[in-house]
């Protein structure tokens, strides 16, 4: 994936929320080194809306859903001078927990809620018709449950759930923590010359990720009774 002309090889960085988007391009491969070394099959390219000189505009979107879900997105374009403009874009996605752990003294009692917040600030400088510079600073802070793994919920030899399966409960003795923080910046310089256009793209990205989940999907084990649901060998 390519976001703001910067190749994102890490899944943590590729997952940066997509908001205030100008266009999405699917480019056939092979692509050149402009999009990184791992692009023989092509590239999915996300372009954010860039600052616009001499124009003031803004928008806001707000959505609500089940389990207390609230999604908000907005942006504002700020003209600074005849040669400069800034754009601030934000997104926040939130949902309450919807699965409860009935296990006594469990490290984690509720699951599947999350809060995911991201912001991007851009500055466009265009002192002449031939030269422009676009600066981009962005960050993300996400907290939510790791993916739930449930033990022994399929009837053996079938593709059906076991009798009495309840999506809203998940009895486990394991902890479930997940956090992800990313930050980055980029600088894009462009010179339009009579017979060619020269581009310079510089970027920096950083991710701090921590996750934990219950790998056996239940509680206890054959050597640490009680165990369940069903047979837990680990």
C-alpha atoms as a PDB file:
ATOM      1  CA  UNK A   1       0.000   0.000   0.000  1.00  0.00           C
ATOM      2  CA  UNK A   2       1.068   3.564  -0.709  1.00  0.00           C
ATOM      3  CA  UNK A   3      -0.257   6.367   1.499  1.00  0.00           C
ATOM      4  CA  UNK A   4       0.643   9.983   0.704  1.00  0.00           C
ATOM      5  CA  UNK A   5       3.309   8.724  -1.733  1.00  0.00           C
ATOM      6  CA  UNK A   6       5.074   6.792   1.061  1.00  0.00           C
ATOM      7  CA  UNK A   7       5.288   2.998   0.765  1.00  0.00           C
ATOM      8  CA  UNK A   8       3.956   1.218   3.864  1.00  0.00           C
ATOM      9  CA  UNK A   9       5.496  -2.243   4.186  1.00  0.00           C
ATOM     10  CA  UNK A  10       4.440  -2.922   7.793  1.00  0.00           C
ATOM     11  CA  UNK A  11       0.845  -4.155   8.348  1.00  0.00           C
ATOM     12  CA  UNK A  12       0.658  -1.816  11.355  1.00  0.00           C
ATOM     13  CA  UNK A  13       1.380   1.144   9.082  1.00  0.00           C
ATOM     14  CA  UNK A  14      -0.748  -0.076   6.170  1.00  0.00           C
ATOM     15  CA  UNK A  15      -3.726  -0.137   8.529  1.00  0.00           C
ATOM     16  CA  UNK A  16      -3.666   3.625   9.117  1.00  0.00           C
ATOM     17  CA  UNK A  17      -7.293   4.804   8.839  1.00  0.00           C
ATOM     18  CA  UNK A  18      -8.368   6.095   5.437  1.00  0.00           C
ATOM     19  CA  UNK A  19     -10.162   9.456   5.696  1.00  0.00           C
ATOM     20  CA  UNK A  20     -10.423  12.766   3.848  1.00  0.00           C
ATOM     21  CA  UNK A  21      -9.554  10.881   0.657  1.00  0.00           C
ATOM     22  CA  UNK A  22      -9.131  12.518  -2.750  1.00  0.00           C
ATOM     23  CA  UNK A  23      -8.812   9.274  -4.717  1.00  0.00           C
ATOM     24  CA  UNK A  24      -7.824   5.617  -4.557  1.00  0.00           C
ATOM     25  CA  UNK A  25      -5.851   4.123  -7.459  1.00  0.00           C
ATOM     26  CA  UNK A  26      -5.162   0.480  -8.288  1.00  0.00           C
ATOM     27  CA  UNK A  27      -2.040   0.466 -10.481  1.00  0.00           C
ATOM     28  CA  UNK A  28      -1.102  -2.591 -12.514  1.00  0.00           C
ATOM     29  CA  UNK A  29       2.296  -4.127 -11.910  1.00  0.00           C
ATOM     30  CA  UNK A  30       5.122  -4.126 -12.160  1.00  0.00           C
ATOM     31  CA  UNK A  31       5.573  -0.650 -10.762  1.00  0.00           C
ATOM     32  CA  UNK A  32       8.833   1.256 -10.535  1.00  0.00           C
ATOM     33  CA  UNK A  33      10.980   1.922  -7.506  1.00  0.00           C
ATOM     34  CA  UNK A  34       8.946   5.060  -6.768  1.00  0.00           C
ATOM     35  CA  UNK A  35       6.499   2.763  -4.969  1.00  0.00           C
ATOM     36  CA  UNK A  36       9.053   0.522  -3.254  1.00  0.00           C
ATOM     37  CA  UNK A  37      10.753  -2.748  -4.043  1.00  0.00           C
ATOM     38  CA  UNK A  38       7.749  -5.042  -3.358  1.00  0.00           C
ATOM     39  CA  UNK A  39       5.505  -3.852  -6.168  1.00  0.00           C
ATOM     40  CA  UNK A  40       5.779  -6.364  -9.059  1.00  0.00           C
ATOM     41  CA  UNK A  41       2.072  -7.185  -8.749  1.00  0.00           C
ATOM     42  CA  UNK A  42       0.998  -3.560  -8.624  1.00  0.00           C
ATOM     43  CA  UNK A  43       0.114  -0.933  -6.054  1.00  0.00           C
ATOM     44  CA  UNK A  44      -2.968   0.312  -4.214  1.00  0.00           C
ATOM     45  CA  UNK A  45      -2.457   4.053  -3.838  1.00  0.00           C
ATOM     46  CA  UNK A  46      -4.377   6.278  -1.401  1.00  0.00           C
ATOM     47  CA  UNK A  47      -4.233  10.030  -1.981  1.00  0.00           C
ATOM     48  CA  UNK A  48      -5.432  12.369   0.740  1.00  0.00           C
ATOM     49  CA  UNK A  49      -7.072  15.680  -0.124  1.00  0.00           C
ATOM     50  CA  UNK A  50      -4.254  18.223  -0.302  1.00  0.00           C
ATOM     51  CA  UNK A  51      -4.342  21.786   1.011  1.00  0.00           C
ATOM     52  CA  UNK A  52      -5.818  24.308  -1.429  1.00  0.00           C
ATOM     53  CA  UNK A  53      -4.381  27.807  -1.635  1.00  0.00           C
ATOM     54  CA  UNK A  54      -6.890  30.645  -1.515  1.00  0.00           C
ATOM     55  CA  UNK A  55      -9.825  28.487  -0.429  1.00  0.00           C
ATOM     56  CA  UNK A  56     -11.556  27.983   2.906  1.00  0.00           C
ATOM     57  CA  UNK A  57     -13.635  24.842   3.281  1.00  0.00           C
ATOM     58  CA  UNK A  58     -14.564  22.252   5.865  1.00  0.00           C
ATOM     59  CA  UNK A  59     -16.786  19.233   6.383  1.00  0.00           C
ATOM     60  CA  UNK A  60     -17.863  16.902   9.169  1.00  0.00           C
ATOM     61  CA  UNK A  61     -19.465  13.458   9.182  1.00  0.00           C
ATOM     62  CA  UNK A  62     -20.976  11.766  12.239  1.00  0.00           C
ATOM     63  CA  UNK A  63     -22.400   8.251  12.404  1.00  0.00           C
ATOM     64  CA  UNK A  64     -23.971   6.046  15.081  1.00  0.00           C
ATOM     65  CA  UNK A  65     -24.428   2.282  15.289  1.00  0.00           C
ATOM     66  CA  UNK A  66     -25.124  -0.691  17.525  1.00  0.00           C
ATOM     67  CA  UNK A  67     -23.196  -1.274  20.746  1.00  0.00           C
ATOM     68  CA  UNK A  68     -22.575   2.427  21.243  1.00  0.00           C
ATOM     69  CA  UNK A  69     -20.655   2.830  17.997  1.00  0.00           C
ATOM     70  CA  UNK A  70     -19.808   6.436  17.172  1.00  0.00           C
ATOM     71  CA  UNK A  71     -17.750   7.387  14.106  1.00  0.00           C
ATOM     72  CA  UNK A  72     -16.685  10.958  13.413  1.00  0.00           C
ATOM     73  CA  UNK A  73     -14.660  12.448  10.579  1.00  0.00           C
ATOM     74  CA  UNK A  74     -13.865  15.983   9.545  1.00  0.00           C
ATOM     75  CA  UNK A  75     -11.428  18.326   7.872  1.00  0.00           C
ATOM     76  CA  UNK A  76     -10.764  22.036   7.491  1.00  0.00           C
ATOM     77  CA  UNK A  77      -8.746  23.786   4.788  1.00  0.00           C
ATOM     78  CA  UNK A  78      -7.028  26.991   5.921  1.00  0.00           C
ATOM     79  CA  UNK A  79      -5.497  29.486   3.446  1.00  0.00           C
ATOM     80  CA  UNK A  80      -2.496  31.174   5.064  1.00  0.00           C
ATOM     81  CA  UNK A  81      -1.274  33.439   2.261  1.00  0.00           C
ATOM     82  CA  UNK A  82      -1.155  33.641  -1.511  1.00  0.00           C
ATOM     83  CA  UNK A  83       1.520  30.942  -1.494  1.00  0.00           C
ATOM     84  CA  UNK A  84       0.636  28.779   1.542  1.00  0.00           C
ATOM     85  CA  UNK A  85      -2.283  26.699   2.827  1.00  0.00           C
ATOM     86  CA  UNK A  86      -2.852  24.112   5.567  1.00  0.00           C
ATOM     87  CA  UNK A  87      -5.326  21.282   5.978  1.00  0.00           C
ATOM     88  CA  UNK A  88      -6.221  19.492   9.208  1.00  0.00           C
ATOM     89  CA  UNK A  89      -8.051  16.144   8.985  1.00  0.00           C
ATOM     90  CA  UNK A  90      -9.259  13.951  11.856  1.00  0.00           C
ATOM     91  CA  UNK A  91     -11.123  10.695  12.361  1.00  0.00           C
ATOM     92  CA  UNK A  92     -12.392   8.908  15.479  1.00  0.00           C
ATOM     93  CA  UNK A  93     -14.008   5.444  15.511  1.00  0.00           C
ATOM     94  CA  UNK A  94     -15.398   3.984  18.742  1.00  0.00           C
ATOM     95  CA  UNK A  95     -17.532   1.036  19.890  1.00  0.00           C
ATOM     96  CA  UNK A  96     -18.434  -0.368  23.297  1.00  0.00           C
ATOM     97  CA  UNK A  97     -17.585  -3.902  24.375  1.00  0.00           C
ATOM     98  CA  UNK A  98     -20.179  -6.488  23.313  1.00  0.00           C
ATOM     99  CA  UNK A  99     -18.801  -9.795  24.658  1.00  0.00           C
ATOM    100  CA  UNK A 100     -18.662 -10.499  28.414  1.00  0.00           C
ATOM    101  CA  UNK A 101     -16.388 -12.875  30.316  1.00  0.00           C
ATOM    102  CA  UNK A 102     -18.250 -14.626  33.145  1.00  0.00           C
ATOM    103  CA  UNK A 103     -15.103 -16.260  34.487  1.00  0.00           C
ATOM    104  CA  UNK A 104     -14.433 -15.104  38.100  1.00  0.00           C
ATOM    105  CA  UNK A 105     -11.320 -12.967  38.630  1.00  0.00           C
ATOM    106  CA  UNK A 106     -10.555 -12.944  34.903  1.00  0.00           C
ATOM    107  CA  UNK A 107      -7.826 -10.510  33.737  1.00  0.00           C
ATOM    108  CA  UNK A 108     -10.200  -9.140  31.091  1.00  0.00           C
ATOM    109  CA  UNK A 109     -13.952  -9.067  31.623  1.00  0.00           C
ATOM    110  CA  UNK A 110     -15.232  -7.471  28.401  1.00  0.00           C
ATOM    111  CA  UNK A 111     -14.171  -7.667  24.759  1.00  0.00           C
ATOM    112  CA  UNK A 112     -14.596  -6.283  21.231  1.00  0.00           C
ATOM    113  CA  UNK A 113     -14.812  -2.611  22.101  1.00  0.00           C
ATOM    114  CA  UNK A 114     -12.299  -0.185  20.629  1.00  0.00           C
ATOM    115  CA  UNK A 115     -11.311   3.432  20.297  1.00  0.00           C
ATOM    116  CA  UNK A 116      -9.321   4.421  17.217  1.00  0.00           C
ATOM    117  CA  UNK A 117      -8.234   8.038  16.759  1.00  0.00           C
ATOM    118  CA  UNK A 118      -6.158   9.499  13.930  1.00  0.00           C
ATOM    119  CA  UNK A 119      -5.174  12.951  12.716  1.00  0.00           C
ATOM    120  CA  UNK A 120      -3.228  14.459   9.830  1.00  0.00           C
ATOM    121  CA  UNK A 121      -1.870  17.988   9.338  1.00  0.00           C
ATOM    122  CA  UNK A 122      -0.607  19.129   5.926  1.00  0.00           C
ATOM    123  CA  UNK A 123       1.130  22.305   4.818  1.00  0.00           C
ATOM    124  CA  UNK A 124       1.453  23.293   1.155  1.00  0.00           C
ATOM    125  CA  UNK A 125       4.008  25.913   0.096  1.00  0.00           C
ATOM    126  CA  UNK A 126       3.997  27.067  -3.528  1.00  0.00           C
ATOM    127  CA  UNK A 127       6.141  30.180  -3.903  1.00  0.00           C
ATOM    128  CA  UNK A 128       6.326  29.905  -7.711  1.00  0.00           C
ATOM    129  CA  UNK A 129       4.482  28.131 -10.504  1.00  0.00           C
ATOM    130  CA  UNK A 130       7.467  25.845 -10.989  1.00  0.00           C
ATOM    131  CA  UNK A 131       8.047  24.713  -7.382  1.00  0.00           C
ATOM    132  CA  UNK A 132       5.863  23.333  -4.589  1.00  0.00           C
ATOM    133  CA  UNK A 133       6.483  21.659  -1.224  1.00  0.00           C
ATOM    134  CA  UNK A 134       3.956  19.530   0.673  1.00  0.00           C
ATOM    135  CA  UNK A 135       4.609  18.637   4.312  1.00  0.00           C
ATOM    136  CA  UNK A 136       2.549  15.953   6.064  1.00  0.00           C
ATOM    137  CA  UNK A 137       2.488  14.992   9.770  1.00  0.00           C
ATOM    138  CA  UNK A 138       0.145  12.260  10.998  1.00  0.00           C
ATOM    139  CA  UNK A 139      -0.479  10.053  14.035  1.00  0.00           C
ATOM    140  CA  UNK A 140      -2.795   7.323  15.300  1.00  0.00           C
ATOM    141  CA  UNK A 141      -3.750   6.002  18.759  1.00  0.00           C
ATOM    142  CA  UNK A 142      -5.800   2.788  18.901  1.00  0.00           C
ATOM    143  CA  UNK A 143      -6.901   0.692  21.872  1.00  0.00           C
ATOM    144  CA  UNK A 144      -9.095  -2.377  21.439  1.00  0.00           C
ATOM    145  CA  UNK A 145      -9.486  -6.089  21.986  1.00  0.00           C
ATOM    146  CA  UNK A 146      -7.303  -8.633  20.260  1.00  0.00           C
ATOM    147  CA  UNK A 147      -9.213 -10.991  17.955  1.00  0.00           C
ATOM    148  CA  UNK A 148     -11.152 -13.549  20.003  1.00  0.00           C
ATOM    149  CA  UNK A 149     -10.223 -17.200  19.527  1.00  0.00           C
ATOM    150  CA  UNK A 150     -12.961 -19.509  20.825  1.00  0.00           C
ATOM    151  CA  UNK A 151     -12.263 -23.120  21.705  1.00  0.00           C
ATOM    152  CA  UNK A 152     -14.467 -26.070  20.728  1.00  0.00           C
ATOM    153  CA  UNK A 153     -17.410 -24.176  19.235  1.00  0.00           C
ATOM    154  CA  UNK A 154     -17.784 -26.342  16.096  1.00  0.00           C
ATOM    155  CA  UNK A 155     -19.603 -29.665  16.079  1.00  0.00           C
ATOM    156  CA  UNK A 156     -17.064 -32.285  15.081  1.00  0.00           C
ATOM    157  CA  UNK A 157     -17.423 -33.313  11.449  1.00  0.00           C
ATOM    158  CA  UNK A 158     -19.777 -30.418  10.593  1.00  0.00           C
ATOM    159  CA  UNK A 159     -19.679 -26.722   9.894  1.00  0.00           C
ATOM    160  CA  UNK A 160     -22.295 -25.977  12.559  1.00  0.00           C
ATOM    161  CA  UNK A 161     -21.864 -24.288  15.906  1.00  0.00           C
ATOM    162  CA  UNK A 162     -22.308 -26.352  19.047  1.00  0.00           C
ATOM    163  CA  UNK A 163     -25.682 -26.284  20.793  1.00  0.00           C
ATOM    164  CA  UNK A 164     -26.027 -23.452  23.265  1.00  0.00           C
ATOM    165  CA  UNK A 165     -23.342 -21.270  21.687  1.00  0.00           C
ATOM    166  CA  UNK A 166     -23.720 -17.670  22.874  1.00  0.00           C
ATOM    167  CA  UNK A 167     -21.897 -14.952  20.941  1.00  0.00           C
ATOM    168  CA  UNK A 168     -22.200 -12.508  23.826  1.00  0.00           C
ATOM    169  CA  UNK A 169     -20.219 -14.579  26.336  1.00  0.00           C
ATOM    170  CA  UNK A 170     -16.625 -15.776  26.243  1.00  0.00           C
ATOM    171  CA  UNK A 171     -15.303 -17.573  29.304  1.00  0.00           C
ATOM    172  CA  UNK A 172     -11.526 -17.406  29.399  1.00  0.00           C
ATOM    173  CA  UNK A 173      -8.744 -17.102  31.945  1.00  0.00           C
ATOM    174  CA  UNK A 174      -6.420 -15.264  29.569  1.00  0.00           C
ATOM    175  CA  UNK A 175      -5.752 -11.562  29.302  1.00  0.00           C
ATOM    176  CA  UNK A 176      -6.648  -9.619  26.180  1.00  0.00           C
ATOM    177  CA  UNK A 177      -4.878  -6.307  25.595  1.00  0.00           C
ATOM    178  CA  UNK A 178      -4.177  -4.536  22.358  1.00  0.00           C
ATOM    179  CA  UNK A 179      -2.671  -1.113  21.701  1.00  0.00           C
ATOM    180  CA  UNK A 180      -1.243   0.488  18.570  1.00  0.00           C
ATOM    181  CA  UNK A 181       0.368   3.896  18.231  1.00  0.00           C
ATOM    182  CA  UNK A 182       1.848   5.158  14.986  1.00  0.00           C
ATOM    183  CA  UNK A 183       3.321   8.452  13.878  1.00  0.00           C
ATOM    184  CA  UNK A 184       4.971   9.695  10.755  1.00  0.00           C
ATOM    185  CA  UNK A 185       5.859  12.595   8.527  1.00  0.00           C
ATOM    186  CA  UNK A 186       6.628  13.164   4.870  1.00  0.00           C
ATOM    187  CA  UNK A 187       7.976  15.879   2.590  1.00  0.00           C
ATOM    188  CA  UNK A 188       7.201  16.039  -1.127  1.00  0.00           C
ATOM    189  CA  UNK A 189       9.064  18.522  -3.300  1.00  0.00           C
ATOM    190  CA  UNK A 190       8.215  19.120  -6.957  1.00  0.00           C
ATOM    191  CA  UNK A 191      10.016  21.107  -9.636  1.00  0.00           C
ATOM    192  CA  UNK A 192       8.255  21.607 -12.995  1.00  0.00           C
ATOM    193  CA  UNK A 193      10.930  22.169 -15.633  1.00  0.00           C
ATOM    194  CA  UNK A 194      10.444  22.787 -19.365  1.00  0.00           C
ATOM    195  CA  UNK A 195      11.093  19.189 -20.417  1.00  0.00           C
ATOM    196  CA  UNK A 196      10.761  17.209 -17.179  1.00  0.00           C
ATOM    197  CA  UNK A 197       9.319  17.198 -13.676  1.00  0.00           C
ATOM    198  CA  UNK A 198      11.582  16.448 -10.739  1.00  0.00           C
ATOM    199  CA  UNK A 199      10.148  14.886  -7.579  1.00  0.00           C
ATOM    200  CA  UNK A 200      11.719  14.416  -4.150  1.00  0.00           C
ATOM    201  CA  UNK A 201       9.859  12.261  -1.596  1.00  0.00           C
ATOM    202  CA  UNK A 202      11.107  11.794   1.957  1.00  0.00           C
ATOM    203  CA  UNK A 203       9.240   9.946   4.702  1.00  0.00           C
ATOM    204  CA  UNK A 204       9.523   8.648   8.241  1.00  0.00           C
ATOM    205  CA  UNK A 205       7.146   6.191   9.922  1.00  0.00           C
ATOM    206  CA  UNK A 206       7.138   4.629  13.389  1.00  0.00           C
ATOM    207  CA  UNK A 207       4.837   2.101  15.083  1.00  0.00           C
ATOM    208  CA  UNK A 208       4.562   0.965  18.706  1.00  0.00           C
ATOM    209  CA  UNK A 209       2.405  -2.169  18.907  1.00  0.00           C
ATOM    210  CA  UNK A 210       1.434  -4.451  21.761  1.00  0.00           C
ATOM    211  CA  UNK A 211      -1.085  -7.278  21.751  1.00  0.00           C
ATOM    212  CA  UNK A 212      -2.052 -10.225  23.880  1.00  0.00           C
ATOM    213  CA  UNK A 213      -4.734 -12.864  23.468  1.00  0.00           C
ATOM    214  CA  UNK A 214      -5.832 -16.226  24.822  1.00  0.00           C
ATOM    215  CA  UNK A 215      -4.311 -18.729  22.390  1.00  0.00           C
ATOM    216  CA  UNK A 216      -6.326 -21.755  23.531  1.00  0.00           C
ATOM    217  CA  UNK A 217      -9.619 -19.881  23.519  1.00  0.00           C
ATOM    218  CA  UNK A 218     -10.876 -21.169  26.827  1.00  0.00           C
ATOM    219  CA  UNK A 219      -9.904 -21.677  30.453  1.00  0.00           C
ATOM    220  CA  UNK A 220      -7.701 -24.135  32.292  1.00  0.00           C
ATOM    221  CA  UNK A 221      -6.218 -27.227  30.633  1.00  0.00           C
ATOM    222  CA  UNK A 222      -6.082 -30.990  31.073  1.00  0.00           C
ATOM    223  CA  UNK A 223      -3.331 -30.419  33.631  1.00  0.00           C
ATOM    224  CA  UNK A 224      -4.936 -27.305  35.215  1.00  0.00           C
ATOM    225  CA  UNK A 225      -8.539 -28.090  36.074  1.00  0.00           C
ATOM    226  CA  UNK A 226     -11.208 -26.905  35.735  1.00  0.00           C
ATOM    227  CA  UNK A 227     -11.080 -26.479  31.977  1.00  0.00           C
ATOM    228  CA  UNK A 228     -13.510 -25.500  29.271  1.00  0.00           C
ATOM    229  CA  UNK A 229     -15.309 -25.217  27.072  1.00  0.00           C
ATOM    230  CA  UNK A 230     -14.696 -28.774  25.908  1.00  0.00           C
ATOM    231  CA  UNK A 231     -11.230 -30.299  25.772  1.00  0.00           C
ATOM    232  CA  UNK A 232      -8.347 -27.833  26.284  1.00  0.00           C
ATOM    233  CA  UNK A 233      -5.007 -29.650  25.807  1.00  0.00           C
ATOM    234  CA  UNK A 234      -2.661 -26.677  26.339  1.00  0.00           C
END
